Structure formats: structure tokens, C-alpha cells
PDB file of N, CA and C in Angstrom:
ATOM      1  N   MET A   1      96.142 125.415  63.292  1.00  0.00           N
ATOM      2  CA  MET A   1      97.066 125.943  64.264  1.00  0.00           C
ATOM      3  C   MET A   1      96.357 126.010  65.608  1.00  0.00           C
ATOM      4  N   LYS A   2      97.126 125.939  66.669  1.00  0.00           N
ATOM      5  CA  LYS A   2      96.592 126.016  68.016  1.00  0.00           C
ATOM      6  C   LYS A   2      97.161 127.245  68.708  1.00  0.00           C
ATOM      7  N   ALA A   3      96.299 127.932  69.481  1.00  0.00           N
ATOM      8  CA  ALA A   3      96.743 129.116  70.217  1.00  0.00           C
ATOM      9  C   ALA A   3      96.201 129.063  71.633  1.00  0.00           C
ATOM     10  N   THR A   4      96.949 129.669  72.541  1.00  0.00           N
ATOM     11  CA  THR A   4      96.492 129.896  73.903  1.00  0.00           C
ATOM     12  C   THR A   4      96.637 131.388  74.164  1.00  0.00           C
ATOM     13  N   VAL A   5      95.525 132.024  74.501  1.00  0.00           N
ATOM     14  CA  VAL A   5      95.516 133.461  74.757  1.00  0.00           C
ATOM     15  C   VAL A   5      95.241 133.672  76.244  1.00  0.00           C
ATOM     16  N   LYS A   6      96.185 134.292  76.927  1.00  0.00           N
ATOM     17  CA  LYS A   6      95.997 134.621  78.342  1.00  0.00           C
ATOM     18  C   LYS A   6      95.181 135.901  78.423  1.00  0.00           C
ATOM     19  N   ILE A   7      94.129 135.860  79.253  1.00  0.00           N
ATOM     20  CA  ILE A   7      93.206 136.990  79.323  1.00  0.00           C
ATOM     21  C   ILE A   7      93.030 137.475  80.762  1.00  0.00           C
ATOM     22  N   GLN A   8      92.443 138.636  80.875  1.00  0.00           N
ATOM     23  CA  GLN A   8      92.138 139.234  82.173  1.00  0.00           C
ATOM     24  C   GLN A   8      90.642 139.086  82.464  1.00  0.00           C
ATOM     25  N   ASN A   9      90.282 139.172  83.736  1.00  0.00           N
ATOM     26  CA  ASN A   9      88.898 139.190  84.216  1.00  0.00           C
ATOM     27  C   ASN A   9      88.178 137.851  84.145  1.00  0.00           C
ATOM     28  N   LEU A  10      88.862 136.765  83.844  1.00  0.00           N
ATOM     29  CA  LEU A  10      88.239 135.443  83.809  1.00  0.00           C
ATOM     30  C   LEU A  10      88.043 134.957  85.235  1.00  0.00           C
ATOM     31  N   LYS A  11      86.770 134.759  85.635  1.00  0.00           N
ATOM     32  CA  LYS A  11      86.474 134.451  87.023  1.00  0.00           C
ATOM     33  C   LYS A  11      85.896 133.061  87.245  1.00  0.00           C
ATOM     34  N   CYS A  12      85.047 132.589  86.344  1.00  0.00           N
ATOM     35  CA  CYS A  12      84.320 131.359  86.639  1.00  0.00           C
ATOM     36  C   CYS A  12      83.816 130.702  85.354  1.00  0.00           C
ATOM     37  N   SER A  13      83.074 129.629  85.538  1.00  0.00           N
ATOM     38  CA  SER A  13      82.523 128.915  84.388  1.00  0.00           C
ATOM     39  C   SER A  13      81.464 129.736  83.649  1.00  0.00           C
ATOM     40  N   GLY A  14      80.836 130.706  84.328  1.00  0.00           N
ATOM     41  CA  GLY A  14      79.902 131.605  83.633  1.00  0.00           C
ATOM     42  C   GLY A  14      80.628 132.422  82.580  1.00  0.00           C
ATOM     43  N   CYS A  15      81.794 132.936  82.960  1.00  0.00           N
ATOM     44  CA  CYS A  15      82.640 133.653  81.995  1.00  0.00           C
ATOM     45  C   CYS A  15      82.997 132.717  80.839  1.00  0.00           C
ATOM     46  N   GLY A  16      83.392 131.508  81.214  1.00  0.00           N
ATOM     47  CA  GLY A  16      83.795 130.522  80.210  1.00  0.00           C
ATOM     48  C   GLY A  16      82.689 130.192  79.233  1.00  0.00           C
ATOM     49  N   ALA A  17      81.455 130.085  79.735  1.00  0.00           N
ATOM     50  CA  ALA A  17      80.326 129.771  78.858  1.00  0.00           C
ATOM     51  C   ALA A  17      80.084 130.893  77.851  1.00  0.00           C
ATOM     52  N   THR A  18      80.149 132.129  78.320  1.00  0.00           N
ATOM     53  CA  THR A  18      79.957 133.267  77.420  1.00  0.00           C
ATOM     54  C   THR A  18      81.057 133.312  76.365  1.00  0.00           C
ATOM     55  N   ILE A  19      82.294 133.117  76.797  1.00  0.00           N
ATOM     56  CA  ILE A  19      83.419 133.132  75.857  1.00  0.00           C
ATOM     57  C   ILE A  19      83.252 132.026  74.823  1.00  0.00           C
ATOM     58  N   THR A  20      82.962 130.821  75.278  1.00  0.00           N
ATOM     59  CA  THR A  20      82.803 129.684  74.364  1.00  0.00           C
ATOM     60  C   THR A  20      81.677 129.932  73.375  1.00  0.00           C
ATOM     61  N   ASN A  21      80.531 130.404  73.864  1.00  0.00           N
ATOM     62  CA  ASN A  21      79.392 130.663  72.977  1.00  0.00           C
ATOM     63  C   ASN A  21      79.730 131.693  71.908  1.00  0.00           C
ATOM     64  N   ASN A  22      80.431 132.748  72.285  1.00  0.00           N
ATOM     65  CA  ASN A  22      80.767 133.804  71.326  1.00  0.00           C
ATOM     66  C   ASN A  22      81.853 133.386  70.351  1.00  0.00           C
ATOM     67  N   LEU A  23      82.870 132.694  70.836  1.00  0.00           N
ATOM     68  CA  LEU A  23      83.942 132.268  69.928  1.00  0.00           C
ATOM     69  C   LEU A  23      83.473 131.173  68.988  1.00  0.00           C
ATOM     70  N   SER A  24      82.475 130.407  69.397  1.00  0.00           N
ATOM     71  CA  SER A  24      81.942 129.339  68.547  1.00  0.00           C
ATOM     72  C   SER A  24      81.273 129.884  67.290  1.00  0.00           C
ATOM     73  N   THR A  25      80.937 131.159  67.288  1.00  0.00           N
ATOM     74  CA  THR A  25      80.307 131.751  66.101  1.00  0.00           C
ATOM     75  C   THR A  25      81.331 132.085  65.017  1.00  0.00           C
ATOM     76  N   ILE A  26      82.613 132.018  65.354  1.00  0.00           N
ATOM     77  CA  ILE A  26      83.668 132.263  64.366  1.00  0.00           C
ATOM     78  C   ILE A  26      83.951 130.928  63.681  1.00  0.00           C
ATOM     79  N   GLU A  27      83.589 130.817  62.415  1.00  0.00           N
ATOM     80  CA  GLU A  27      83.634 129.541  61.697  1.00  0.00           C
ATOM     81  C   GLU A  27      85.015 128.898  61.656  1.00  0.00           C
ATOM     82  N   THR A  28      86.053 129.689  61.648  1.00  0.00           N
ATOM     83  CA  THR A  28      87.408 129.140  61.514  1.00  0.00           C
ATOM     84  C   THR A  28      88.075 128.880  62.866  1.00  0.00           C
ATOM     85  N   VAL A  29      87.285 128.896  63.938  1.00  0.00           N
ATOM     86  CA  VAL A  29      87.795 128.610  65.284  1.00  0.00           C
ATOM     87  C   VAL A  29      87.085 127.374  65.816  1.00  0.00           C
ATOM     88  N   LYS A  30      87.855 126.405  66.300  1.00  0.00           N
ATOM     89  CA  LYS A  30      87.306 125.130  66.773  1.00  0.00           C
ATOM     90  C   LYS A  30      87.987 124.723  68.080  1.00  0.00           C
ATOM     91  N   ASN A  31      87.415 123.731  68.732  1.00  0.00           N
ATOM     92  CA  ASN A  31      88.009 123.101  69.925  1.00  0.00           C
ATOM     93  C   ASN A  31      88.376 124.122  71.005  1.00  0.00           C
ATOM     94  N   ILE A  32      87.408 124.919  71.387  1.00  0.00           N
ATOM     95  CA  ILE A  32      87.634 125.986  72.372  1.00  0.00           C
ATOM     96  C   ILE A  32      87.676 125.379  73.773  1.00  0.00           C
ATOM     97  N   GLU A  33      88.729 125.701  74.515  1.00  0.00           N
ATOM     98  CA  GLU A  33      88.879 125.249  75.896  1.00  0.00           C
ATOM     99  C   GLU A  33      89.102 126.471  76.785  1.00  0.00           C
ATOM    100  N   ILE A  34      88.410 126.520  77.907  1.00  0.00           N
ATOM    101  CA  ILE A  34      88.602 127.587  78.882  1.00  0.00           C
ATOM    102  C   ILE A  34      89.484 127.032  79.996  1.00  0.00           C
ATOM    103  N   LEU A  35      90.594 127.683  80.248  1.00  0.00           N
ATOM    104  CA  LEU A  35      91.549 127.251  81.266  1.00  0.00           C
ATOM    105  C   LEU A  35      91.469 128.225  82.437  1.00  0.00           C
ATOM    106  N   LEU A  36      90.513 127.972  83.337  1.00  0.00           N
ATOM    107  CA  LEU A  36      90.270 128.900  84.445  1.00  0.00           C
ATOM    108  C   LEU A  36      91.511 129.118  85.302  1.00  0.00           C
ATOM    109  N   GLU A  37      92.214 128.044  85.631  1.00  0.00           N
ATOM    110  CA  GLU A  37      93.378 128.157  86.515  1.00  0.00           C
ATOM    111  C   GLU A  37      94.514 128.952  85.895  1.00  0.00           C
ATOM    112  N   GLU A  38      94.528 129.007  84.569  1.00  0.00           N
ATOM    113  CA  GLU A  38      95.595 129.710  83.848  1.00  0.00           C
ATOM    114  C   GLU A  38      95.143 131.064  83.306  1.00  0.00           C
ATOM    115  N   ASP A  39      93.883 131.426  83.538  1.00  0.00           N
ATOM    116  CA  ASP A  39      93.321 132.652  82.961  1.00  0.00           C
ATOM    117  C   ASP A  39      93.571 132.698  81.459  1.00  0.00           C
ATOM    118  N   ALA A  40      93.173 131.622  80.781  1.00  0.00           N
ATOM    119  CA  ALA A  40      93.484 131.520  79.358  1.00  0.00           C
ATOM    120  C   ALA A  40      92.382 130.806  78.589  1.00  0.00           C
ATOM    121  N   VAL A  41      92.409 131.025  77.275  1.00  0.00           N
ATOM    122  CA  VAL A  41      91.527 130.349  76.334  1.00  0.00           C
ATOM    123  C   VAL A  41      92.420 129.662  75.311  1.00  0.00           C
ATOM    124  N   ARG A  42      92.171 128.378  75.074  1.00  0.00           N
ATOM    125  CA  ARG A  42      92.933 127.616  74.076  1.00  0.00           C
ATOM    126  C   ARG A  42      91.966 127.203  72.968  1.00  0.00           C
ATOM    127  N   PHE A  43      92.430 127.250  71.730  1.00  0.00           N
ATOM    128  CA  PHE A  43      91.561 126.934  70.595  1.00  0.00           C
ATOM    129  C   PHE A  43      92.404 126.634  69.366  1.00  0.00           C
ATOM    130  N   ASP A  44      91.768 126.006  68.395  1.00  0.00           N
ATOM    131  CA  ASP A  44      92.368 125.791  67.083  1.00  0.00           C
ATOM    132  C   ASP A  44      91.820 126.857  66.146  1.00  0.00           C
ATOM    133  N   TYR A  45      92.662 127.354  65.264  1.00  0.00           N
ATOM    134  CA  TYR A  45      92.220 128.368  64.302  1.00  0.00           C
ATOM    135  C   TYR A  45      92.905 128.123  62.970  1.00  0.00           C
ATOM    136  N   GLU A  46      92.299 128.631  61.908  1.00  0.00           N
ATOM    137  CA  GLU A  46      92.788 128.357  60.559  1.00  0.00           C
ATOM    138  C   GLU A  46      93.754 129.392  60.009  1.00  0.00           C
ATOM    139  N   ASN A  47      93.637 130.657  60.456  1.00  0.00           N
ATOM    140  CA  ASN A  47      94.491 131.697  59.879  1.00  0.00           C
ATOM    141  C   ASN A  47      94.619 132.865  60.851  1.00  0.00           C
ATOM    142  N   GLU A  48      95.495 133.788  60.519  1.00  0.00           N
ATOM    143  CA  GLU A  48      95.759 134.939  61.390  1.00  0.00           C
ATOM    144  C   GLU A  48      94.538 135.840  61.541  1.00  0.00           C
ATOM    145  N   LEU A  49      93.713 135.893  60.525  1.00  0.00           N
ATOM    146  CA  LEU A  49      92.480 136.679  60.609  1.00  0.00           C
ATOM    147  C   LEU A  49      91.596 136.139  61.734  1.00  0.00           C
ATOM    148  N   ALA A  50      91.484 134.828  61.826  1.00  0.00           N
ATOM    149  CA  ALA A  50      90.682 134.205  62.886  1.00  0.00           C
ATOM    150  C   ALA A  50      91.257 134.523  64.263  1.00  0.00           C
ATOM    151  N   LEU A  51      92.566 134.485  64.389  1.00  0.00           N
ATOM    152  CA  LEU A  51      93.209 134.809  65.666  1.00  0.00           C
ATOM    153  C   LEU A  51      92.889 136.249  66.063  1.00  0.00           C
ATOM    154  N   GLY A  52      92.938 137.145  65.121  1.00  0.00           N
ATOM    155  CA  GLY A  52      92.588 138.537  65.381  1.00  0.00           C
ATOM    156  C   GLY A  52      91.131 138.692  65.786  1.00  0.00           C
ATOM    157  N   GLN A  53      90.243 137.933  65.126  1.00  0.00           N
ATOM    158  CA  GLN A  53      88.821 137.984  65.473  1.00  0.00           C
ATOM    159  C   GLN A  53      88.600 137.494  66.906  1.00  0.00           C
ATOM    160  N   VAL A  54      89.310 136.453  67.309  1.00  0.00           N
ATOM    161  CA  VAL A  54      89.179 135.926  68.669  1.00  0.00           C
ATOM    162  C   VAL A  54      89.569 136.995  69.676  1.00  0.00           C
ATOM    163  N   LYS A  55      90.713 137.616  69.468  1.00  0.00           N
ATOM    164  CA  LYS A  55      91.196 138.632  70.413  1.00  0.00           C
ATOM    165  C   LYS A  55      90.248 139.824  70.464  1.00  0.00           C
ATOM    166  N   LYS A  56      89.711 140.219  69.316  1.00  0.00           N
ATOM    167  CA  LYS A  56      88.765 141.332  69.267  1.00  0.00           C
ATOM    168  C   LYS A  56      87.478 140.971  70.009  1.00  0.00           C
ATOM    169  N   THR A  57      86.991 139.753  69.812  1.00  0.00           N
ATOM    170  CA  THR A  57      85.779 139.300  70.483  1.00  0.00           C
ATOM    171  C   THR A  57      85.982 139.235  71.991  1.00  0.00           C
ATOM    172  N   LEU A  58      87.122 138.697  72.420  1.00  0.00           N
ATOM    173  CA  LEU A  58      87.413 138.614  73.850  1.00  0.00           C
ATOM    174  C   LEU A  58      87.419 140.011  74.477  1.00  0.00           C
ATOM    175  N   LYS A  59      88.061 140.946  73.806  1.00  0.00           N
ATOM    176  CA  LYS A  59      88.126 142.313  74.326  1.00  0.00           C
ATOM    177  C   LYS A  59      86.737 142.934  74.393  1.00  0.00           C
ATOM    178  N   LYS A  60      85.926 142.706  73.364  1.00  0.00           N
ATOM    179  CA  LYS A  60      84.562 143.246  73.325  1.00  0.00           C
ATOM    180  C   LYS A  60      83.722 142.700  74.481  1.00  0.00           C
ATOM    181  N   LEU A  61      83.971 141.460  74.876  1.00  0.00           N
ATOM    182  CA  LEU A  61      83.224 140.831  75.967  1.00  0.00           C
ATOM    183  C   LEU A  61      83.724 141.245  77.354  1.00  0.00           C
ATOM    184  N   GLY A  62      84.870 141.943  77.400  1.00  0.00           N
ATOM    185  CA  GLY A  62      85.425 142.375  78.681  1.00  0.00           C
ATOM    186  C   GLY A  62      86.579 141.527  79.173  1.00  0.00           C
ATOM    187  N   TYR A  63      87.181 140.757  78.266  1.00  0.00           N
ATOM    188  CA  TYR A  63      88.313 139.900  78.615  1.00  0.00           C
ATOM    189  C   TYR A  63      89.527 140.251  77.748  1.00  0.00           C
ATOM    190  N   PRO A  64      90.137 141.405  78.007  1.00  0.00           N
ATOM    191  CA  PRO A  64      91.300 141.794  77.189  1.00  0.00           C
ATOM    192  C   PRO A  64      92.474 140.848  77.440  1.00  0.00           C
ATOM    193  N   GLU A  65      93.328 140.783  76.464  1.00  0.00           N
ATOM    194  CA  GLU A  65      94.530 139.960  76.578  1.00  0.00           C
ATOM    195  C   GLU A  65      95.419 140.507  77.702  1.00  0.00           C
ATOM    196  N   GLN A  66      96.094 139.610  78.408  1.00  0.00           N
ATOM    197  CA  GLN A  66      97.004 140.070  79.455  1.00  0.00           C
ATOM    198  C   GLN A  66      98.041 140.995  78.845  1.00  0.00           C
ATOM    199  N   GLY A  67      98.311 142.094  79.553  1.00  0.00           N
ATOM    200  CA  GLY A  67      99.242 143.096  79.067  1.00  0.00           C
ATOM    201  C   GLY A  67      98.548 144.296  78.450  1.00  0.00           C
ATOM    202  N   GLU A  68      97.275 144.131  78.045  1.00  0.00           N
ATOM    203  CA  GLU A  68      96.506 145.254  77.520  1.00  0.00           C
ATOM    204  C   GLU A  68      95.878 146.020  78.676  1.00  0.00           C
ATOM    205  N   ASP A  69      95.427 147.237  78.401  1.00  0.00           N
ATOM    206  CA  ASP A  69      94.723 148.012  79.415  1.00  0.00           C
ATOM    207  C   ASP A  69      93.484 147.256  79.874  1.00  0.00           C
ATOM    208  N   ASN A  70      93.293 147.183  81.182  1.00  0.00           N
ATOM    209  CA  ASN A  70      92.110 146.549  81.756  1.00  0.00           C
ATOM    210  C   ASN A  70      91.296 147.654  82.425  1.00  0.00           C
ATOM    211  N   THR A  71      90.525 148.334  81.611  1.00  0.00           N
ATOM    212  CA  THR A  71      89.786 149.504  82.071  1.00  0.00           C
ATOM    213  C   THR A  71      88.597 149.108  82.942  1.00  0.00           C
ATOM    214  N   LEU A  72      88.041 150.084  83.608  1.00  0.00           N
ATOM    215  CA  LEU A  72      86.832 149.859  84.398  1.00  0.00           C
ATOM    216  C   LEU A  72      85.707 149.357  83.493  1.00  0.00           C
ATOM    217  N   GLY A  73      85.640 149.885  82.287  1.00  0.00           N
ATOM    218  CA  GLY A  73      84.627 149.433  81.323  1.00  0.00           C
ATOM    219  C   GLY A  73      84.782 147.964  80.975  1.00  0.00           C
ATOM    220  N   ALA A  74      86.022 147.515  80.782  1.00  0.00           N
ATOM    221  CA  ALA A  74      86.277 146.099  80.473  1.00  0.00           C
ATOM    222  C   ALA A  74      85.856 145.228  81.644  1.00  0.00           C
ATOM    223  N   LYS A  75      86.172 145.671  82.845  1.00  0.00           N
ATOM    224  CA  LYS A  75      85.799 144.897  84.032  1.00  0.00           C
ATOM    225  C   LYS A  75      84.287 144.800  84.152  1.00  0.00           C
ATOM    226  N   ALA A  76      83.587 145.905  83.895  1.00  0.00           N
ATOM    227  CA  ALA A  76      82.123 145.897  83.963  1.00  0.00           C
ATOM    228  C   ALA A  76      81.538 144.968  82.905  1.00  0.00           C
ATOM    229  N   LYS A  77      82.082 145.021  81.688  1.00  0.00           N
ATOM    230  CA  LYS A  77      81.609 144.136  80.621  1.00  0.00           C
ATOM    231  C   LYS A  77      81.798 142.676  81.000  1.00  0.00           C
ATOM    232  N   SER A  78      82.929 142.361  81.651  1.00  0.00           N
ATOM    233  CA  SER A  78      83.191 140.967  82.016  1.00  0.00           C
ATOM    234  C   SER A  78      82.181 140.480  83.053  1.00  0.00           C
ATOM    235  N   TYR A  79      81.747 141.355  83.969  1.00  0.00           N
ATOM    236  CA  TYR A  79      80.732 140.956  84.948  1.00  0.00           C
ATOM    237  C   TYR A  79      79.398 140.669  84.259  1.00  0.00           C
ATOM    238  N   VAL A  80      79.042 141.494  83.298  1.00  0.00           N
ATOM    239  CA  VAL A  80      77.803 141.260  82.536  1.00  0.00           C
ATOM    240  C   VAL A  80      77.927 139.964  81.733  1.00  0.00           C
ATOM    241  N   SER A  81      79.058 139.762  81.078  1.00  0.00           N
ATOM    242  CA  SER A  81      79.287 138.542  80.301  1.00  0.00           C
ATOM    243  C   SER A  81      79.204 137.319  81.198  1.00  0.00           C
ATOM    244  N   CYS A  82      79.767 137.418  82.384  1.00  0.00           N
ATOM    245  CA  CYS A  82      79.748 136.324  83.346  1.00  0.00           C
ATOM    246  C   CYS A  82      78.306 135.986  83.727  1.00  0.00           C
ATOM    247  N   ALA A  83      77.521 137.010  84.035  1.00  0.00           N
ATOM    248  CA  ALA A  83      76.125 136.789  84.420  1.00  0.00           C
ATOM    249  C   ALA A  83      75.331 136.128  83.290  1.00  0.00           C
ATOM    250  N   ILE A  84      75.555 136.581  82.079  1.00  0.00           N
ATOM    251  CA  ILE A  84      74.872 135.991  80.911  1.00  0.00           C
ATOM    252  C   ILE A  84      75.261 134.528  80.782  1.00  0.00           C
ATOM    253  N   GLY A  85      76.536 134.221  80.966  1.00  0.00           N
ATOM    254  CA  GLY A  85      77.001 132.845  80.871  1.00  0.00           C
ATOM    255  C   GLY A  85      76.401 131.952  81.940  1.00  0.00           C
ATOM    256  N   LYS A  86      76.203 132.489  83.122  1.00  0.00           N
ATOM    257  CA  LYS A  86      75.589 131.702  84.199  1.00  0.00           C
ATOM    258  C   LYS A  86      74.125 131.420  83.920  1.00  0.00           C
ATOM    259  N   MET A  87      73.456 132.332  83.220  1.00  0.00           N
ATOM    260  CA  MET A  87      72.040 132.158  82.943  1.00  0.00           C
ATOM    261  C   MET A  87      71.794 131.209  81.764  1.00  0.00           C
ATOM    262  N   SER A  88      72.792 131.041  80.918  1.00  0.00           N
ATOM    263  CA  SER A  88      72.586 130.200  79.719  1.00  0.00           C
ATOM    264  C   SER A  88      72.949 128.766  79.949  1.00  0.00           C
TER     265      SER A  88
END
């Protein structure tokens, strides 16, 4: 199955690198694409559990799904995630 998840706080390719690196660790998620212009992540997944893991991972990194609370903590996490992605 293919999904596109619209997220908040996506700023640059550094963010994208961190997201891709973290989602790549989920075995049932493949073909991860970062859509900067759309503030979204597109990927293939095998089951609903994998989709839930993706959303949980994105939120943990500071990129909550659009429509969810975008707290100051989430914004701060996204800046750290972005910096890590730029360094890797």
C-alpha cells in the first residue's frame, strides 16, 4: 500500500534526511519520498501497524501530522532533527 502523510515543521533537506533515516529502520516501510513543497512524506507500507509506526516516529522527531497539536516542544525537536540531518 502507498500512503502520503502531510506533516508540520518540514523545512529543508536536513529534515528530510532525518525522516528518511528514521523511517528506513521500519522493516515494513519502503520507497520513502520527502515532498518538501507539499510538506509531506510518501512511502509504501505493508500493514496498518507500519502506518501507525510511521506516524508515531514522525511525531517523536518533531513532525506531527497536519491537524495535530504543533507544540513548542515539537517545533524544538524538529529543529534538532533538521540539524542532525544536515550533519549526516
